[in-house]
Protein backbone atom coordinates (compact mmCIF):
# COMPACT_ATOMS: atom_id res chain seq x y z
CA MET A 1 -0.05 -16.05 0.25
CA SER A 2 -0.30 -14.65 -3.15
CA LYS A 3 0.92 -10.67 -3.03
CA HIS A 4 3.49 -10.23 -0.40
CA ILE A 5 4.47 -6.29 -0.98
CA LEU A 6 8.46 -7.48 -2.14
CA GLY A 7 6.97 -9.32 -4.70
CA LEU A 8 9.13 -7.61 -7.31
CA SER A 9 12.40 -7.80 -5.33
CA ILE A 10 14.40 -8.04 -8.53
CA ALA A 11 13.98 -5.00 -9.61
CA LEU A 12 15.53 -3.90 -6.57
CA VAL A 13 19.09 -2.02 -7.77
CA LEU A 14 21.43 -4.87 -6.81
CA PHE A 15 24.64 -3.54 -4.82
CA PRO A 16 23.75 0.05 -4.56
CA GLY A 17 27.10 1.90 -2.96
CA CYS A 18 28.67 -1.58 -1.87
CA ALA A 19 31.21 -2.25 -4.55
CA ARG A 20 33.74 -4.55 -3.74
CA GLU A 21 37.45 -3.40 -2.67
CA ASP A 22 38.93 -5.52 -5.38
CA LYS A 23 36.90 -4.94 -8.62
CA SER A 24 33.77 -3.75 -9.09
CA ILE A 25 30.89 -5.67 -10.26
CA THR A 26 30.89 -4.41 -13.73
CA ASP A 27 34.57 -6.40 -13.96
CA MET A 28 33.19 -10.11 -12.79
CA SER A 29 33.18 -12.75 -14.96
CA ASP A 30 30.68 -15.45 -15.05
CA ASP A 31 33.70 -17.56 -13.03
CA ASP A 32 32.54 -15.09 -9.48
CA PRO A 33 30.15 -16.31 -7.75
CA LEU A 34 28.21 -12.79 -7.28
CA MET A 35 28.06 -12.60 -10.86
CA ARG A 36 26.59 -15.58 -12.08
CA ALA A 37 24.15 -15.35 -9.22
CA GLN A 38 22.88 -11.95 -10.19
CA LYS A 39 22.79 -13.55 -13.73
CA GLN A 40 20.84 -16.16 -12.46
CA MET A 41 18.33 -14.05 -10.73
CA GLN A 42 18.02 -11.85 -14.00
CA HIS A 43 16.71 -15.09 -15.62
CA GLU A 44 14.39 -15.54 -12.90
CA ASP A 45 16.28 -18.90 -11.69
CA PRO A 46 16.53 -17.58 -7.69
CA ALA A 47 17.10 -21.56 -7.11
CA SER A 48 20.06 -21.51 -8.16
CA ALA A 49 21.50 -18.29 -6.60
CA VAL A 50 20.73 -19.57 -3.60
CA ALA A 51 22.72 -22.80 -4.25
CA THR A 52 25.21 -20.45 -5.57
CA LEU A 53 25.81 -17.61 -2.74
CA GLU A 54 25.51 -20.67 -0.49
CA GLY A 55 29.13 -21.71 -1.86
CA LEU A 56 29.96 -18.12 -1.55
CA LEU A 57 29.02 -17.78 1.83
CA LYS A 58 29.95 -20.71 3.48
CA PRO A 59 33.41 -19.15 3.90
CA ASP A 60 32.32 -15.67 3.84
CA PRO A 61 29.55 -15.15 5.99
CA THR A 62 29.67 -11.79 5.66
CA ASN A 63 30.16 -11.00 2.38
CA ARG A 64 27.51 -7.77 2.25
CA GLU A 65 26.96 -8.40 -1.32
CA GLY A 66 26.44 -11.76 -0.93
CA LEU A 67 24.12 -11.38 1.64
CA LEU A 68 22.24 -8.64 -0.10
CA LEU A 69 21.43 -10.84 -2.85
CA MET A 70 20.79 -13.67 -0.75
CA VAL A 71 18.16 -11.89 0.80
CA GLN A 72 16.47 -10.82 -2.32
CA ALA A 73 16.45 -15.17 -3.88
CA THR A 74 14.98 -16.29 -0.87
CA GLN A 75 12.18 -13.75 -0.77
CA ASP A 76 11.55 -14.47 -4.52
CA LEU A 77 11.05 -17.93 -3.63
CA GLY A 78 9.16 -16.97 -1.03
CA MET A 79 6.59 -15.08 -2.91
CA VAL A 80 6.93 -18.16 -5.79
CA SER A 81 6.16 -21.07 -2.76
CA GLY A 82 2.60 -18.75 -1.39
CA GLN A 83 1.67 -18.07 -5.37
CA ARG A 84 1.69 -22.21 -5.54
CA GLY A 85 -0.34 -22.22 -1.89
CA ASP A 86 2.62 -24.25 -0.75
CA LYS A 87 2.49 -21.97 2.64
CA LYS A 88 5.18 -24.04 4.77
CA THR A 89 7.44 -23.83 2.21
CA ALA A 90 6.88 -20.27 1.72
CA LEU A 91 7.38 -19.62 5.58
CA ASP A 92 10.73 -21.39 5.35
CA TRP A 93 11.87 -19.22 2.32
CA TYR A 94 10.98 -16.12 4.12
CA ILE A 95 12.46 -17.12 7.88
CA GLY A 96 15.31 -18.01 5.99
CA SER A 97 15.58 -14.17 4.20
CA SER A 98 14.78 -12.56 7.58
CA ASN A 99 17.72 -14.28 9.49
CA TYR A 100 20.18 -13.62 6.09
CA MET A 101 18.77 -10.30 6.96
CA LYS A 102 19.79 -10.26 10.13
CA GLN A 103 23.20 -11.06 9.52
CA LEU A 104 23.16 -8.37 7.48
CA CYS A 105 22.25 -6.39 9.60
CA ALA A 106 25.25 -7.40 12.62
CA ALA A 107 27.74 -7.35 10.30
CA PHE A 108 27.22 -4.19 8.46
CA PRO A 109 25.10 -1.85 11.22
CA ASP A 110 25.10 1.78 9.22
CA LEU A 111 22.93 -0.10 5.99
CA ASN A 112 22.93 1.90 2.77
CA LYS A 113 19.79 2.63 0.88
CA THR A 114 18.98 -0.51 -0.56
CA GLU A 115 19.26 -2.21 2.35
CA LYS A 116 17.32 0.20 4.96
CA LEU A 117 14.63 0.00 2.23
CA LEU A 118 14.95 -3.73 1.88
CA ALA A 119 14.71 -4.53 5.56
CA PRO A 120 11.32 -3.65 6.66
CA ARG A 121 9.91 -5.70 3.76
CA VAL A 122 12.07 -8.62 4.98
CA PHE A 123 10.30 -8.49 8.26
CA TYR A 124 7.07 -7.77 7.49
CA ASN A 125 6.60 -10.40 4.08
CA VAL A 126 7.99 -13.41 7.45
CA ALA A 127 5.41 -11.81 9.72
CA CYS A 128 2.59 -12.48 6.91
CA ALA A 129 3.90 -15.77 6.60
CA GLN A 130 3.75 -16.90 9.92
CA ALA A 131 0.08 -15.54 10.18
CA VAL A 132 -0.97 -16.82 7.78
CA CYS A 133 0.54 -20.66 9.10
CA ALA A 134 -1.23 -19.83 12.51
CA HIS A 135 2.10 -18.55 14.21
CA PRO A 136 0.89 -15.45 16.14
CA ASP A 137 3.39 -14.45 18.70
CA GLU A 138 6.19 -15.48 16.01
CA ALA A 139 4.37 -12.74 13.31
CA MET A 140 3.45 -10.03 16.23
CA ALA A 141 8.17 -10.32 17.38
CA SER A 142 8.39 -10.31 13.29
CA LEU A 143 5.81 -7.53 12.26
CA THR A 144 7.68 -5.42 16.02
CA GLU A 145 11.60 -6.09 14.05
CA ALA A 146 9.69 -4.47 10.83
CA ILE A 147 8.57 -1.20 12.48
CA ASP A 148 12.07 -1.30 14.15
CA HIS A 149 13.39 -1.31 10.76
CA GLY A 150 10.95 1.63 9.46
CA PHE A 151 8.17 0.09 8.73
CA ALA A 152 5.20 2.78 8.89
CA ASP A 153 2.29 1.55 6.45
CA LEU A 154 -0.28 1.24 9.50
CA GLU A 155 -3.39 1.38 6.59
CA ARG A 156 -1.89 -2.13 5.31
CA LEU A 157 -1.43 -3.31 8.81
CA GLY A 158 -5.27 -3.25 8.94
CA ARG A 159 -6.22 -4.19 5.67
CA ASP A 160 -3.88 -7.22 4.50
CA PRO A 161 -5.56 -10.45 4.29
CA GLU A 162 -3.05 -12.24 5.47
CA LEU A 163 -2.64 -10.61 8.85
CA ILE A 164 -6.32 -11.39 9.68
CA SER A 165 -5.21 -14.36 12.14
CA LEU A 166 -4.09 -11.20 14.20
CA HIS A 167 -7.00 -8.76 14.21
CA GLU A 168 -7.94 -9.78 17.71
CA LEU A 169 -4.87 -9.96 19.35
CA PRO A 170 -4.38 -7.26 21.94
CA GLU A 171 -1.62 -6.29 20.99
CA PHE A 172 -2.47 -6.31 17.37
CA GLN A 173 -5.02 -3.76 18.33
CA GLN A 174 -3.05 -2.09 20.40
CA LEU A 175 -0.60 -1.54 17.33
CA ILE A 176 -3.32 -0.06 15.26
CA LYS A 177 -4.34 2.29 17.54
CA GLN A 178 -1.84 3.52 19.14
CA PRO A 179 0.81 3.14 16.84
CA PRO A 180 4.44 3.21 18.46
CA ALA A 181 6.51 6.22 18.41
CA LYS A 182 9.13 4.69 16.86
CA MET A 183 7.18 4.36 13.41
CA PHE A 184 6.29 7.75 13.34
CA ALA A 185 10.27 8.10 13.82
CA GLY A 186 10.85 5.80 11.22
CA ALA A 187 9.23 7.55 8.48
CA ARG A 188 10.91 11.26 9.68
CA ARG A 189 14.43 9.87 9.68
CA GLN A 190 13.90 8.12 6.39
CA ALA A 191 12.07 11.55 5.36
CA GLN A 192 15.59 13.22 6.34
CA GLU A 193 17.44 10.98 4.41
CA LEU A 194 15.95 10.92 1.55
CA ILE A 195 15.66 14.50 0.67
CA ALA A 196 19.30 14.99 1.79
CA GLN A 197 20.42 12.77 -1.12
CA HIS A 198 18.17 14.30 -3.69
CA GLU A 199 19.57 16.65 -6.31
CA PRO A 200 16.80 19.76 -6.18
CA PHE A 201 16.01 20.90 -9.67
CA PRO A 202 13.87 23.56 -11.46
CA PHE A 203 10.62 22.52 -12.80
CA ASP A 204 7.59 24.82 -13.82
CA PHE A 205 4.51 23.77 -15.26
CA ALA A 206 1.15 25.65 -16.75
CA LEU A 207 -1.48 23.71 -17.76
CA PRO A 208 -5.31 23.72 -17.83
CA ASN A 209 -7.46 21.91 -15.38
CA ILE A 210 -10.60 20.08 -16.11
CA ASP A 211 -12.63 23.29 -16.66
CA GLY A 212 -10.30 24.95 -19.07
CA LYS A 213 -8.74 27.21 -16.36
CA THR A 214 -5.07 27.42 -16.19
CA VAL A 215 -3.41 26.95 -13.49
CA SER A 216 0.59 27.38 -12.93
CA LYS A 217 3.11 27.31 -10.98
CA LYS A 218 3.05 30.45 -9.76
CA ASP A 219 -0.18 30.03 -8.30
CA PHE A 220 1.01 28.52 -5.32
CA LYS A 221 4.04 30.66 -4.59
CA GLY A 222 5.39 30.00 -0.77
CA LYS A 223 3.32 27.32 -0.37
CA VAL A 224 5.02 23.23 0.26
CA LEU A 225 3.88 22.56 -3.01
CA ILE A 226 3.02 18.32 -4.18
CA VAL A 227 3.09 17.58 -7.76
CA ASP A 228 1.85 14.14 -8.48
CA PHE A 229 1.97 12.51 -11.86
CA TRP A 230 -0.86 10.03 -12.53
CA ALA A 231 -4.11 8.65 -14.69
CA THR A 232 -6.66 6.80 -13.56
CA TRP A 233 -5.81 3.91 -15.43
CA CYS A 234 -3.19 3.41 -12.91
CA PRO A 235 -3.94 1.47 -10.44
CA PRO A 236 -1.12 2.71 -7.73
CA CYS A 237 -1.89 6.08 -8.76
CA LYS A 238 -5.38 5.89 -7.23
CA GLU A 239 -4.18 3.64 -4.72
CA GLU A 240 -2.46 6.79 -3.31
CA ILE A 241 -4.66 9.61 -3.85
CA PRO A 242 -6.93 9.71 -0.68
CA HIS A 243 -3.54 10.57 1.15
CA PHE A 244 -2.62 13.88 -1.12
CA VAL A 245 -6.54 14.41 0.12
CA GLU A 246 -5.83 13.70 3.59
CA LEU A 247 -2.51 15.27 3.67
CA LEU A 248 -4.32 18.62 2.42
CA HIS A 249 -7.01 18.09 4.82
CA ARG A 250 -4.03 17.66 7.48
CA HIS A 251 -1.58 20.47 5.93
CA GLY A 252 -3.75 22.79 4.12
CA ASP A 253 -3.47 25.51 6.86
CA ALA A 254 -0.06 25.53 7.25
CA GLY A 255 0.72 25.97 3.59
CA LEU A 256 0.88 22.67 1.88
CA ALA A 257 -1.03 22.83 -1.83
CA ILE A 258 -1.24 19.91 -4.10
CA VAL A 259 -1.69 19.53 -7.88
CA GLY A 260 -2.25 16.38 -9.85
CA ILE A 261 -0.76 16.29 -13.54
CA ALA A 262 -2.97 13.67 -15.02
CA TYR A 263 -2.00 11.70 -18.33
CA GLU A 264 -5.06 9.73 -19.85
CA GLN A 265 -5.43 7.50 -22.95
CA GLY A 266 -7.50 7.95 -25.74
CA PRO A 267 -8.71 10.93 -27.48
CA ARG A 268 -9.27 14.41 -25.18
CA ASN A 269 -12.94 14.74 -24.81
CA VAL A 270 -13.00 10.67 -23.52
CA ALA A 271 -9.83 11.02 -21.48
CA LEU A 272 -11.03 14.20 -20.04
CA THR A 273 -14.57 12.80 -18.93
CA ALA A 274 -13.05 10.26 -17.54
CA LEU A 275 -10.81 12.12 -15.17
CA ARG A 276 -14.00 15.04 -14.12
CA ASP A 277 -16.01 11.44 -13.18
CA PHE A 278 -12.82 10.43 -11.18
CA VAL A 279 -12.52 13.65 -9.51
CA LYS A 280 -16.53 13.85 -8.00
CA LYS A 281 -16.56 10.16 -7.40
CA HIS A 282 -13.32 10.14 -5.18
CA GLN A 283 -13.95 13.77 -3.60
CA VAL A 284 -10.53 14.84 -5.04
CA THR A 285 -9.85 17.90 -2.80
CA TYR A 286 -6.87 19.73 -4.78
CA PRO A 287 -6.70 21.02 -8.78
CA CYS A 288 -6.11 18.10 -11.38
CA LEU A 289 -4.15 19.47 -14.65
CA ILE A 290 -4.59 17.98 -17.73
CA GLY A 291 -0.60 16.98 -18.60
CA ASP A 292 1.21 17.60 -21.48
CA ASP A 293 4.94 16.45 -22.97
CA LYS A 294 6.44 20.28 -22.28
CA THR A 295 5.53 19.07 -18.45
CA GLN A 296 6.71 15.54 -18.42
CA ASN A 297 10.28 16.06 -20.17
CA GLY A 298 10.81 18.68 -17.30
CA VAL A 299 11.02 15.76 -15.23
CA PRO A 300 14.47 14.39 -15.25
CA ASP A 301 14.86 10.96 -16.48
CA THR A 302 12.44 8.60 -17.31
CA LEU A 303 8.49 9.59 -16.01
CA ALA A 304 7.12 6.59 -14.62
CA PHE A 305 3.44 6.58 -12.94
CA PRO A 306 2.86 7.60 -10.25
CA THR A 307 6.18 9.80 -10.05
CA THR A 308 5.77 12.56 -7.17
CA LEU A 309 7.44 15.84 -6.82
CA PHE A 310 7.95 17.38 -3.65
CA LEU A 311 8.26 21.14 -3.69
CA ASP A 312 9.87 23.71 -1.06
CA ARG A 313 8.68 27.05 -0.45
CA SER A 314 11.60 28.72 -2.91
CA GLY A 315 9.90 26.23 -5.97
CA LYS A 316 12.71 23.69 -5.93
CA VAL A 317 11.80 20.47 -6.52
CA ARG A 318 13.43 18.42 -2.96
CA LEU A 319 12.72 14.93 -3.91
CA ARG A 320 11.00 13.13 -6.10
CA LEU A 321 9.27 9.51 -5.05
CA VAL A 322 8.00 6.92 -7.92
CA GLY A 323 5.22 4.24 -7.37
CA SER A 324 2.81 4.38 -4.15
CA HIS A 325 4.08 5.07 -1.26
CA PRO A 326 2.21 5.33 2.97
CA LEU A 327 0.79 8.02 4.10
CA ALA A 328 3.00 8.04 7.19
CA GLU A 329 6.32 8.06 4.56
CA LEU A 330 4.18 11.37 2.28
CA ASP A 331 3.62 13.11 5.92
CA ALA A 332 7.20 13.01 6.95
CA ILE A 333 8.41 14.35 3.71
CA VAL A 334 5.75 17.57 4.04
CA SER A 335 6.13 17.91 7.47
CA LEU A 336 9.92 18.77 7.52
CA LEU A 337 9.66 21.05 4.40
CA LEU A 338 6.81 23.06 6.10
CA GLU A 339 8.84 23.09 9.56
CA GLU A 340 11.75 24.22 7.34
CA GLY A 341 10.35 27.07 5.38
CA ALA A 342 9.12 27.93 8.91
CA THR A 343 12.36 27.85 10.69
CA ALA A 344 13.50 30.41 7.38
CA ALA A 345 10.65 32.51 8.03
CA LYS A 346 11.62 33.05 11.34
CA HIS A 347 15.66 33.93 10.33
């Protein structure tokens, strides 16, 4: 077990929307166990964080911030144990993490954004650990829990080497061939929440494509537009491009358009050659443009790769995503924006 999808759990923002009633996180001193555990996590010492949080949760088992941090700390310990090849210890930590997640869900059914993001990953990780340790029935049950909490990455189920032991199970084959409706319902519900929480902002571009022709936002007037900031040197960017090709195949006739804005390294002629070769090799079916600083600066906050903007038919950015995302999640966002435009047209 070397690469669970929550391997970077510390990168999650701790405690958003969960401010304590008596004092905020920023007001805590080192004497506060939450602050001490958070610092221990930041110093990559999840074992000490777990010990600190056990002392906090024993008298207060429904401490929301403590439960969330405990889930993250035990996830990290599971990941570290898996990387060492200690499958049994990794499984124990992941089971403990899933139990804390269940405890959090039971105490606070109305999960906040971070908790909703964390839950499906926690149950997916324990399913991987159970599968590796030859507990197929438990692994399938954990996968079901992951789906119930919004897991929708169907492609990962089929390619994850840690789930190989499940591939011949009839229930796993059924899951791959006929995904449950709740998998798509969960992706759609998450897309609705993301769009509702995002503050729309204007965005414009006019950039040369790989053939030197200028392509601008106005060329896509009236369409739902995906703008993908990417680079050929970025592995998550390349991982996501087949999803965009598939989305255009599914929804191009309904009004979807996509452009990729590439930020390559090295001299311009070398970068352009690399981009042209990539587009040809991977049969990218949408325009790929050469990015500049002005366009990049038009996106609020720091731009990471990949960053994906979703523009509605009026040209406003309705959602910004960072990182690679499953096809089902991207499809749900596109479908909602297309439906939104179709409904507006009828009125």
